Amino acid sequence: MAHKRPARISVAEMKLYYMYSEWCSWLRSLAEDEIMHQDIVPLCAADIQEQLKKRFAYLSGGRGQDGSPVITFPDYPAFSEIPDKEFQNVMTYLTSI
């Protein structure tokens, strides 16, 4: 029986994964927060077109097992440099369409 080698990732990849997991945790808490159900001003794509053009997150057209749309986070080298408000705007828009 052949032994599988453990996967090895670089420190940079680990840091990016950590940032990604932190953003996912933030997004989950945002979605669960009751504030999300109160007085949210819908965003139009035109309002955040420059942020959307960066494509650090997008709807790929896929669906989860429960039918929910899948938000894709491609490899984006400057992900850790995205301002919180910009990330929030894009996530709010993507989860509202």
C-alpha atoms as a PDB file:
ATOM      1  CA  MET A   1       0.000   0.000   0.000  1.00  0.00           C
ATOM      2  CA  ALA A   2       1.493   3.323  -1.079  1.00  0.00           C
ATOM      3  CA  HIS A   3       1.738   6.082   1.497  1.00  0.00           C
ATOM      4  CA  LYS A   4       0.410   9.461   0.525  1.00  0.00           C
ATOM      5  CA  ARG A   5       2.597  12.426   1.244  1.00  0.00           C
ATOM      6  CA  PRO A   6       1.018  15.195   3.277  1.00  0.00           C
ATOM      7  CA  ALA A   7       0.137  18.284   1.278  1.00  0.00           C
ATOM      8  CA  ARG A   8       2.589  21.135   1.666  1.00  0.00           C
ATOM      9  CA  ILE A   9       1.656  24.757   1.247  1.00  0.00           C
ATOM     10  CA  SER A  10       3.770  27.855   1.474  1.00  0.00           C
ATOM     11  CA  VAL A  11       3.511  30.433   4.242  1.00  0.00           C
ATOM     12  CA  ALA A  12       2.063  32.885   1.697  1.00  0.00           C
ATOM     13  CA  GLU A  13      -0.661  30.383   0.730  1.00  0.00           C
ATOM     14  CA  MET A  14      -1.424  29.778   4.401  1.00  0.00           C
ATOM     15  CA  LYS A  15      -1.780  33.516   5.024  1.00  0.00           C
ATOM     16  CA  LEU A  16      -4.122  33.876   2.031  1.00  0.00           C
ATOM     17  CA  TYR A  17      -6.187  30.937   3.223  1.00  0.00           C
ATOM     18  CA  TYR A  18      -6.372  32.465   6.695  1.00  0.00           C
ATOM     19  CA  MET A  19      -7.567  35.791   5.241  1.00  0.00           C
ATOM     20  CA  TYR A  20     -10.114  33.940   3.115  1.00  0.00           C
ATOM     21  CA  SER A  21     -11.438  32.009   6.128  1.00  0.00           C
ATOM     22  CA  GLU A  22     -11.666  35.233   8.148  1.00  0.00           C
ATOM     23  CA  TRP A  23     -13.697  36.866   5.373  1.00  0.00           C
ATOM     24  CA  CYS A  24     -15.962  33.808   5.217  1.00  0.00           C
ATOM     25  CA  SER A  25     -16.543  33.981   8.972  1.00  0.00           C
ATOM     26  CA  TRP A  26     -17.305  37.680   8.706  1.00  0.00           C
ATOM     27  CA  LEU A  27     -19.707  37.053   5.817  1.00  0.00           C
ATOM     28  CA  ARG A  28     -21.484  34.291   7.739  1.00  0.00           C
ATOM     29  CA  SER A  29     -21.913  36.516  10.805  1.00  0.00           C
ATOM     30  CA  LEU A  30     -23.141  39.323   8.566  1.00  0.00           C
ATOM     31  CA  ALA A  31     -25.724  37.051   6.969  1.00  0.00           C
ATOM     32  CA  GLU A  32     -26.918  35.816  10.347  1.00  0.00           C
ATOM     33  CA  ASP A  33     -27.082  39.274  11.859  1.00  0.00           C
ATOM     34  CA  GLU A  34     -30.585  40.665  12.250  1.00  0.00           C
ATOM     35  CA  ILE A  35     -29.375  44.027  11.009  1.00  0.00           C
ATOM     36  CA  MET A  36     -29.201  42.507   7.535  1.00  0.00           C
ATOM     37  CA  HIS A  37     -32.984  42.310   7.609  1.00  0.00           C
ATOM     38  CA  GLN A  38     -33.496  46.000   8.413  1.00  0.00           C
ATOM     39  CA  ASP A  39     -33.301  49.083   6.223  1.00  0.00           C
ATOM     40  CA  ILE A  40     -30.673  47.854   3.780  1.00  0.00           C
ATOM     41  CA  VAL A  41     -30.379  50.095   0.775  1.00  0.00           C
ATOM     42  CA  PRO A  42     -30.134  47.892  -2.316  1.00  0.00           C
ATOM     43  CA  LEU A  43     -27.017  48.454  -4.402  1.00  0.00           C
ATOM     44  CA  CYS A  44     -27.033  48.691  -8.162  1.00  0.00           C
ATOM     45  CA  ALA A  45     -24.184  47.298 -10.247  1.00  0.00           C
ATOM     46  CA  ALA A  46     -23.627  50.806 -11.616  1.00  0.00           C
ATOM     47  CA  ASP A  47     -23.022  52.079  -8.074  1.00  0.00           C
ATOM     48  CA  ILE A  48     -20.144  49.673  -7.496  1.00  0.00           C
ATOM     49  CA  GLN A  49     -18.980  48.941 -11.041  1.00  0.00           C
ATOM     50  CA  GLU A  50     -15.309  49.656 -10.294  1.00  0.00           C
ATOM     51  CA  GLN A  51     -15.424  47.244  -7.351  1.00  0.00           C
ATOM     52  CA  LEU A  52     -17.155  44.563  -9.449  1.00  0.00           C
ATOM     53  CA  LYS A  53     -14.584  44.946 -12.244  1.00  0.00           C
ATOM     54  CA  LYS A  54     -11.874  43.724  -9.865  1.00  0.00           C
ATOM     55  CA  ARG A  55     -13.629  40.308  -9.821  1.00  0.00           C
ATOM     56  CA  PHE A  56     -12.305  39.275  -6.412  1.00  0.00           C
ATOM     57  CA  ALA A  57     -15.720  37.609  -6.018  1.00  0.00           C
ATOM     58  CA  TYR A  58     -18.431  36.823  -8.529  1.00  0.00           C
ATOM     59  CA  LEU A  59     -21.446  34.626  -9.212  1.00  0.00           C
ATOM     60  CA  SER A  60     -20.243  31.793 -11.443  1.00  0.00           C
ATOM     61  CA  GLY A  61     -23.706  30.490 -12.235  1.00  0.00           C
ATOM     62  CA  GLY A  62     -23.293  27.382 -10.086  1.00  0.00           C
ATOM     63  CA  ARG A  63     -25.758  26.361  -7.412  1.00  0.00           C
ATOM     64  CA  GLY A  64     -25.311  24.610  -4.079  1.00  0.00           C
ATOM     65  CA  GLN A  65     -27.213  21.476  -3.056  1.00  0.00           C
ATOM     66  CA  ASP A  66     -29.897  23.679  -1.535  1.00  0.00           C
ATOM     67  CA  GLY A  67     -30.235  25.716  -4.737  1.00  0.00           C
ATOM     68  CA  SER A  68     -28.399  28.749  -3.400  1.00  0.00           C
ATOM     69  CA  PRO A  69     -26.102  30.564  -5.820  1.00  0.00           C
ATOM     70  CA  VAL A  70     -22.385  29.953  -5.384  1.00  0.00           C
ATOM     71  CA  ILE A  71     -20.149  32.973  -4.854  1.00  0.00           C
ATOM     72  CA  THR A  72     -16.728  32.291  -6.358  1.00  0.00           C
ATOM     73  CA  PHE A  73     -13.535  33.701  -4.853  1.00  0.00           C
ATOM     74  CA  PRO A  74     -10.815  33.252  -7.482  1.00  0.00           C
ATOM     75  CA  ASP A  75      -7.115  33.587  -6.755  1.00  0.00           C
ATOM     76  CA  TYR A  76      -6.737  37.317  -6.178  1.00  0.00           C
ATOM     77  CA  PRO A  77      -3.233  38.351  -5.065  1.00  0.00           C
ATOM     78  CA  ALA A  78      -4.365  41.634  -3.488  1.00  0.00           C
ATOM     79  CA  PHE A  79      -7.290  40.055  -1.588  1.00  0.00           C
ATOM     80  CA  SER A  80      -5.913  41.148   1.778  1.00  0.00           C
ATOM     81  CA  GLU A  81      -5.795  44.745   0.556  1.00  0.00           C
ATOM     82  CA  ILE A  82      -9.497  45.011  -0.289  1.00  0.00           C
ATOM     83  CA  PRO A  83     -11.078  47.634   1.980  1.00  0.00           C
ATOM     84  CA  ASP A  84     -13.809  46.281   4.269  1.00  0.00           C
ATOM     85  CA  LYS A  85     -16.451  48.606   2.797  1.00  0.00           C
ATOM     86  CA  GLU A  86     -15.617  47.517  -0.743  1.00  0.00           C
ATOM     87  CA  PHE A  87     -15.875  43.841   0.220  1.00  0.00           C
ATOM     88  CA  GLN A  88     -19.144  44.500   2.041  1.00  0.00           C
ATOM     89  CA  ASN A  89     -20.593  46.339  -0.970  1.00  0.00           C
ATOM     90  CA  VAL A  90     -19.758  43.509  -3.362  1.00  0.00           C
ATOM     91  CA  MET A  91     -21.066  40.816  -0.992  1.00  0.00           C
ATOM     92  CA  THR A  92     -24.257  42.794  -0.366  1.00  0.00           C
ATOM     93  CA  TYR A  93     -24.786  43.181  -4.101  1.00  0.00           C
ATOM     94  CA  LEU A  94     -24.026  39.544  -4.954  1.00  0.00           C
ATOM     95  CA  THR A  95     -26.315  38.224  -2.235  1.00  0.00           C
ATOM     96  CA  SER A  96     -29.152  40.523  -3.312  1.00  0.00           C
ATOM     97  CA  ILE A  97     -29.372  39.636  -7.010  1.00  0.00           C
END
